[in-house]
Protein backbone atom coordinates (compact mmCIF):
# COMPACT_ATOMS: atom_id res chain seq x y z
CA UNK A 1 -26.78 -39.60 -14.53
CA UNK A 2 -27.48 -36.07 -13.34
CA UNK A 3 -25.10 -33.18 -13.18
CA UNK A 4 -23.84 -32.45 -9.72
CA UNK A 5 -22.70 -29.16 -8.37
CA UNK A 6 -19.92 -28.05 -6.11
CA UNK A 7 -20.68 -25.72 -3.27
CA UNK A 8 -18.08 -22.97 -3.22
CA UNK A 9 -17.40 -21.31 0.07
CA UNK A 10 -14.92 -18.49 0.29
CA UNK A 11 -14.34 -16.12 3.14
CA UNK A 12 -13.77 -12.40 2.94
CA UNK A 13 -10.25 -12.91 4.31
CA UNK A 14 -9.46 -15.26 1.42
CA UNK A 15 -10.70 -12.68 -1.06
CA UNK A 16 -8.47 -10.04 0.51
CA UNK A 17 -5.44 -12.32 0.23
CA UNK A 18 -5.90 -12.38 -3.54
CA UNK A 19 -6.77 -8.72 -3.96
CA UNK A 20 -3.79 -6.73 -5.22
CA UNK A 21 -2.55 -3.93 -3.04
CA UNK A 22 -3.77 -0.47 -3.90
CA UNK A 23 -2.62 2.94 -2.86
CA UNK A 24 -4.46 6.23 -2.83
CA UNK A 25 -3.13 9.66 -1.95
CA UNK A 26 -5.00 9.45 1.34
CA UNK A 27 -3.43 6.10 2.26
CA UNK A 28 0.05 7.19 1.17
CA UNK A 29 -0.26 10.37 3.25
CA UNK A 30 -0.05 8.23 6.40
CA UNK A 31 3.55 7.40 5.47
CA UNK A 32 4.70 10.98 4.82
CA UNK A 33 6.32 11.27 8.24
CA UNK A 34 7.59 7.69 8.36
CA UNK A 35 11.24 7.25 9.43
CA UNK A 36 12.70 7.01 5.91
CA UNK A 37 14.79 5.08 4.98
CA UNK A 38 13.02 2.13 6.54
CA UNK A 39 12.52 -1.61 6.24
CA UNK A 40 9.15 -3.22 5.67
CA UNK A 41 8.89 -4.16 9.36
CA UNK A 42 9.78 -0.63 10.48
CA UNK A 43 7.09 0.83 8.21
CA UNK A 44 4.48 -1.61 9.53
CA UNK A 45 5.46 -0.79 13.11
CA UNK A 46 5.28 2.95 12.38
CA UNK A 47 1.88 2.56 10.72
CA UNK A 48 0.47 0.69 13.70
CA UNK A 49 1.86 3.17 16.23
CA UNK A 50 0.66 6.20 14.26
CA UNK A 51 -2.88 4.87 13.89
CA UNK A 52 -2.86 4.41 10.12
CA UNK A 53 -5.88 2.64 8.59
CA UNK A 54 -5.72 -1.13 8.30
CA UNK A 55 -5.45 -0.78 4.50
CA UNK A 56 -2.02 0.86 4.88
CA UNK A 57 -0.80 -1.97 7.10
CA UNK A 58 -2.23 -4.63 4.76
CA UNK A 59 -0.57 -2.97 1.75
CA UNK A 60 2.77 -2.91 3.55
CA UNK A 61 2.39 -6.57 4.55
CA UNK A 62 1.96 -7.47 0.87
CA UNK A 63 5.38 -6.05 -0.03
CA UNK A 64 7.96 -8.67 -0.82
CA UNK A 65 10.37 -8.84 2.09
CA UNK A 66 13.87 -9.36 0.87
CA UNK A 67 15.43 -7.17 3.52
CA UNK A 68 15.13 -4.15 1.25
CA UNK A 69 15.44 -0.64 2.60
CA UNK A 70 12.81 1.72 1.24
CA UNK A 71 14.05 5.28 0.72
CA UNK A 72 10.59 6.81 0.33
CA UNK A 73 7.00 6.25 -0.76
CA UNK A 74 8.21 6.18 -4.40
CA UNK A 75 9.92 2.84 -3.66
CA UNK A 76 6.60 1.41 -2.49
CA UNK A 77 4.24 3.13 -4.92
CA UNK A 78 6.16 3.98 -8.12
CA UNK A 79 3.22 5.99 -9.48
CA UNK A 80 3.12 8.26 -6.43
CA UNK A 81 2.54 11.76 -7.81
CA UNK A 82 5.28 14.27 -7.13
CA UNK A 83 4.69 17.94 -6.37
CA UNK A 84 5.54 18.68 -9.99
CA UNK A 85 2.40 16.76 -10.96
CA UNK A 86 0.23 19.21 -8.99
CA UNK A 87 1.78 22.59 -9.68
CA UNK A 88 2.05 24.46 -12.93
CA UNK A 89 4.57 27.01 -14.03
CA UNK A 90 2.97 30.44 -13.64
CA UNK A 91 5.37 31.87 -16.27
CA UNK A 92 3.66 29.76 -18.93
CA UNK A 93 0.30 31.52 -18.49
């Protein structure tokens, strides 16, 4: 008896469904002027209307929708760098 094989076919869309959401500073910048506080649906609508890249919309669609209100990008991307992360205290140097 010979060993058989299984042909595996997977589409790019299926791969994307299992790829975790990722944020970059560039992607997050598209939400800077969003109407905070906002729901998931409001953020998706804003992203579409403002011409944000599809990655922003896909990331927002991956958020769990429990009717939460997001106060800012920090609620969506907890590791979002604050201005304190970019500036240094000139008195220290």
